[in-house]
Amino acid sequence: MLQWDEHNRAVSGKHEFRVFYDPDSSRSQDRPWIMVIRELGEDGVHAHIHHSTHFTEVDAKKAAKQWAGPRTP
């Protein structure tokens, strides 16, 4: 289970989950919450692997908990 801190950040294994409120950057004004997942590299480099937009903060955190991992080609 993801444990969210006061900055809407959680870490699980080698993945960092962040939830942001940013209606200006969102693809849709109806979905102002953005959930971003990055892979934490051993050398300190983070690689962006997924993002999605959501109606509410709760929806974004639920999507993070349900995320099944990066797509494989």
N, C-alpha and C. Protein backbone atom coordinates (compact mmCIF):
# COMPACT_ATOMS: atom_id res chain seq x y z
N MET A 1 0.84 -1.18 0.00
CA MET A 1 0.00 0.00 0.00
C MET A 1 0.89 1.24 0.00
N LEU A 2 0.54 2.20 -0.83
CA LEU A 2 1.32 3.42 -0.91
C LEU A 2 1.06 4.30 0.30
N GLN A 3 2.11 4.86 0.85
CA GLN A 3 2.02 5.79 1.96
C GLN A 3 2.34 7.18 1.43
N TRP A 4 1.33 8.05 1.39
CA TRP A 4 1.49 9.39 0.83
C TRP A 4 2.01 10.36 1.88
N ASP A 5 2.97 11.20 1.51
CA ASP A 5 3.44 12.22 2.44
C ASP A 5 2.67 13.53 2.22
N GLU A 6 3.04 14.57 2.93
CA GLU A 6 2.30 15.83 2.85
C GLU A 6 2.47 16.53 1.50
N HIS A 7 3.38 16.05 0.66
CA HIS A 7 3.60 16.63 -0.66
C HIS A 7 2.99 15.76 -1.77
N ASN A 8 2.07 14.87 -1.39
CA ASN A 8 1.42 13.96 -2.34
C ASN A 8 2.44 13.12 -3.10
N ARG A 9 3.40 12.58 -2.36
CA ARG A 9 4.45 11.73 -2.92
C ARG A 9 4.46 10.41 -2.17
N ALA A 10 4.65 9.33 -2.93
CA ALA A 10 4.78 8.01 -2.33
C ALA A 10 5.84 7.24 -3.10
N VAL A 11 6.52 6.32 -2.43
CA VAL A 11 7.53 5.49 -3.07
C VAL A 11 7.20 4.04 -2.80
N SER A 12 7.33 3.23 -3.86
CA SER A 12 7.12 1.80 -3.72
C SER A 12 8.16 1.10 -4.58
N GLY A 13 9.03 0.34 -3.94
CA GLY A 13 10.10 -0.32 -4.69
C GLY A 13 10.96 0.72 -5.38
N LYS A 14 11.09 0.60 -6.68
CA LYS A 14 11.92 1.55 -7.41
C LYS A 14 11.08 2.60 -8.15
N HIS A 15 9.82 2.80 -7.73
CA HIS A 15 8.95 3.78 -8.37
C HIS A 15 8.50 4.87 -7.41
N GLU A 16 8.52 6.09 -7.92
CA GLU A 16 8.04 7.25 -7.18
C GLU A 16 6.72 7.70 -7.80
N PHE A 17 5.72 7.93 -6.98
CA PHE A 17 4.40 8.38 -7.40
C PHE A 17 4.19 9.79 -6.89
N ARG A 18 3.76 10.70 -7.77
CA ARG A 18 3.48 12.08 -7.37
C ARG A 18 2.12 12.48 -7.91
N VAL A 19 1.38 13.24 -7.13
CA VAL A 19 0.09 13.76 -7.54
C VAL A 19 0.15 15.28 -7.43
N PHE A 20 -0.20 15.96 -8.53
CA PHE A 20 -0.14 17.41 -8.59
C PHE A 20 -1.51 17.97 -8.98
N TYR A 21 -1.80 19.16 -8.47
CA TYR A 21 -2.97 19.91 -8.94
C TYR A 21 -2.43 20.99 -9.87
N ASP A 22 -2.74 20.87 -11.16
CA ASP A 22 -2.23 21.84 -12.13
C ASP A 22 -3.19 21.93 -13.32
N PRO A 23 -4.28 22.69 -13.17
CA PRO A 23 -5.26 22.78 -14.25
C PRO A 23 -4.70 23.39 -15.54
N ASP A 24 -3.66 24.21 -15.44
CA ASP A 24 -3.08 24.83 -16.63
C ASP A 24 -2.26 23.83 -17.47
N SER A 25 -1.65 22.84 -16.83
CA SER A 25 -0.84 21.86 -17.54
C SER A 25 -1.62 20.61 -17.92
N SER A 26 -2.77 20.43 -17.32
CA SER A 26 -3.58 19.24 -17.59
C SER A 26 -4.11 19.27 -19.01
N ARG A 27 -4.30 18.09 -19.58
CA ARG A 27 -4.85 18.00 -20.93
C ARG A 27 -6.31 18.44 -20.97
N SER A 28 -6.98 18.45 -19.85
CA SER A 28 -8.39 18.80 -19.79
C SER A 28 -8.66 19.62 -18.54
N GLN A 29 -9.40 20.70 -18.68
CA GLN A 29 -9.74 21.53 -17.52
C GLN A 29 -10.62 20.76 -16.53
N ASP A 30 -11.31 19.72 -17.02
CA ASP A 30 -12.14 18.90 -16.14
C ASP A 30 -11.32 17.92 -15.30
N ARG A 31 -10.08 17.71 -15.69
CA ARG A 31 -9.20 16.77 -15.00
C ARG A 31 -7.92 17.50 -14.56
N PRO A 32 -8.00 18.31 -13.51
CA PRO A 32 -6.86 19.13 -13.13
C PRO A 32 -5.79 18.42 -12.30
N TRP A 33 -6.06 17.19 -11.87
CA TRP A 33 -5.09 16.45 -11.05
C TRP A 33 -4.24 15.55 -11.95
N ILE A 34 -2.93 15.63 -11.80
CA ILE A 34 -2.00 14.88 -12.62
C ILE A 34 -1.24 13.89 -11.74
N MET A 35 -1.23 12.62 -12.16
CA MET A 35 -0.48 11.59 -11.46
C MET A 35 0.71 11.21 -12.33
N VAL A 36 1.91 11.28 -11.76
CA VAL A 36 3.13 10.98 -12.49
C VAL A 36 3.87 9.85 -11.77
N ILE A 37 4.39 8.91 -12.57
CA ILE A 37 5.19 7.83 -12.00
C ILE A 37 6.56 7.88 -12.65
N ARG A 38 7.59 7.85 -11.81
CA ARG A 38 8.97 7.83 -12.29
C ARG A 38 9.68 6.61 -11.73
N GLU A 39 10.62 6.09 -12.50
CA GLU A 39 11.45 5.00 -12.03
C GLU A 39 12.71 5.61 -11.43
N LEU A 40 13.04 5.18 -10.23
CA LEU A 40 14.20 5.71 -9.53
C LEU A 40 15.42 4.90 -9.92
N GLY A 41 16.36 5.53 -10.60
CA GLY A 41 17.58 4.85 -11.03
C GLY A 41 18.58 4.73 -9.90
N GLU A 42 19.42 3.73 -9.98
CA GLU A 42 20.42 3.52 -8.93
C GLU A 42 21.46 4.63 -8.91
N ASP A 43 21.64 5.31 -10.04
CA ASP A 43 22.60 6.40 -10.13
C ASP A 43 21.98 7.76 -9.79
N GLY A 44 20.74 7.74 -9.28
CA GLY A 44 20.06 8.97 -8.90
C GLY A 44 19.27 9.61 -10.03
N VAL A 45 19.33 9.02 -11.21
CA VAL A 45 18.59 9.55 -12.35
C VAL A 45 17.19 8.96 -12.35
N HIS A 46 16.19 9.82 -12.53
CA HIS A 46 14.80 9.38 -12.55
C HIS A 46 14.32 9.35 -13.99
N ALA A 47 13.60 8.32 -14.36
CA ALA A 47 13.04 8.21 -15.71
C ALA A 47 11.52 8.26 -15.62
N HIS A 48 10.92 9.19 -16.37
CA HIS A 48 9.46 9.30 -16.42
C HIS A 48 8.92 8.09 -17.15
N ILE A 49 7.94 7.40 -16.55
CA ILE A 49 7.40 6.23 -17.23
C ILE A 49 5.88 6.27 -17.43
N HIS A 50 5.18 7.16 -16.72
CA HIS A 50 3.72 7.21 -16.88
C HIS A 50 3.17 8.50 -16.30
N HIS A 51 2.12 9.02 -16.92
CA HIS A 51 1.35 10.11 -16.32
C HIS A 51 -0.09 10.01 -16.81
N SER A 52 -1.00 10.51 -16.01
CA SER A 52 -2.41 10.51 -16.37
C SER A 52 -3.10 11.66 -15.64
N THR A 53 -4.25 12.09 -16.16
CA THR A 53 -5.01 13.17 -15.55
C THR A 53 -6.28 12.62 -14.91
N HIS A 54 -6.74 13.30 -13.85
CA HIS A 54 -7.87 12.79 -13.06
C HIS A 54 -8.76 13.93 -12.58
N PHE A 55 -10.00 13.56 -12.26
CA PHE A 55 -10.99 14.53 -11.78
C PHE A 55 -10.66 15.07 -10.39
N THR A 56 -10.20 14.18 -9.50
CA THR A 56 -9.94 14.56 -8.11
C THR A 56 -8.61 13.99 -7.64
N GLU A 57 -8.13 14.50 -6.52
CA GLU A 57 -6.92 13.97 -5.90
C GLU A 57 -7.12 12.51 -5.52
N VAL A 58 -8.29 12.17 -5.01
CA VAL A 58 -8.60 10.79 -4.62
C VAL A 58 -8.53 9.87 -5.83
N ASP A 59 -9.08 10.31 -6.97
CA ASP A 59 -9.02 9.51 -8.20
C ASP A 59 -7.57 9.27 -8.63
N ALA A 60 -6.74 10.30 -8.54
CA ALA A 60 -5.33 10.18 -8.95
C ALA A 60 -4.59 9.19 -8.05
N LYS A 61 -4.84 9.26 -6.74
CA LYS A 61 -4.17 8.33 -5.82
C LYS A 61 -4.68 6.91 -6.01
N LYS A 62 -5.95 6.75 -6.32
CA LYS A 62 -6.50 5.43 -6.59
C LYS A 62 -5.84 4.84 -7.84
N ALA A 63 -5.65 5.65 -8.87
CA ALA A 63 -4.99 5.19 -10.10
C ALA A 63 -3.55 4.77 -9.81
N ALA A 64 -2.88 5.50 -8.94
CA ALA A 64 -1.51 5.14 -8.58
C ALA A 64 -1.48 3.78 -7.89
N LYS A 65 -2.42 3.54 -6.99
CA LYS A 65 -2.47 2.25 -6.28
C LYS A 65 -2.78 1.09 -7.21
N GLN A 66 -3.55 1.37 -8.27
CA GLN A 66 -3.95 0.31 -9.20
C GLN A 66 -2.97 0.13 -10.35
N TRP A 67 -1.97 0.99 -10.46
CA TRP A 67 -1.03 0.92 -11.57
C TRP A 67 -0.33 -0.43 -11.57
N ALA A 68 -0.29 -1.10 -12.71
CA ALA A 68 0.23 -2.46 -12.79
C ALA A 68 1.66 -2.54 -13.30
N GLY A 69 2.28 -1.42 -13.55
CA GLY A 69 3.66 -1.43 -14.04
C GLY A 69 3.74 -0.92 -15.46
N PRO A 70 4.97 -0.61 -15.89
CA PRO A 70 5.14 -0.07 -17.24
C PRO A 70 4.78 -1.09 -18.30
N ARG A 71 4.28 -0.59 -19.41
CA ARG A 71 3.96 -1.47 -20.53
C ARG A 71 5.24 -2.02 -21.13
N THR A 72 5.22 -3.25 -21.50
CA THR A 72 6.38 -3.84 -22.16
C THR A 72 6.08 -3.96 -23.65
N PRO A 73 7.06 -3.63 -24.48
CA PRO A 73 6.82 -3.68 -25.94
C PRO A 73 6.62 -5.08 -26.46
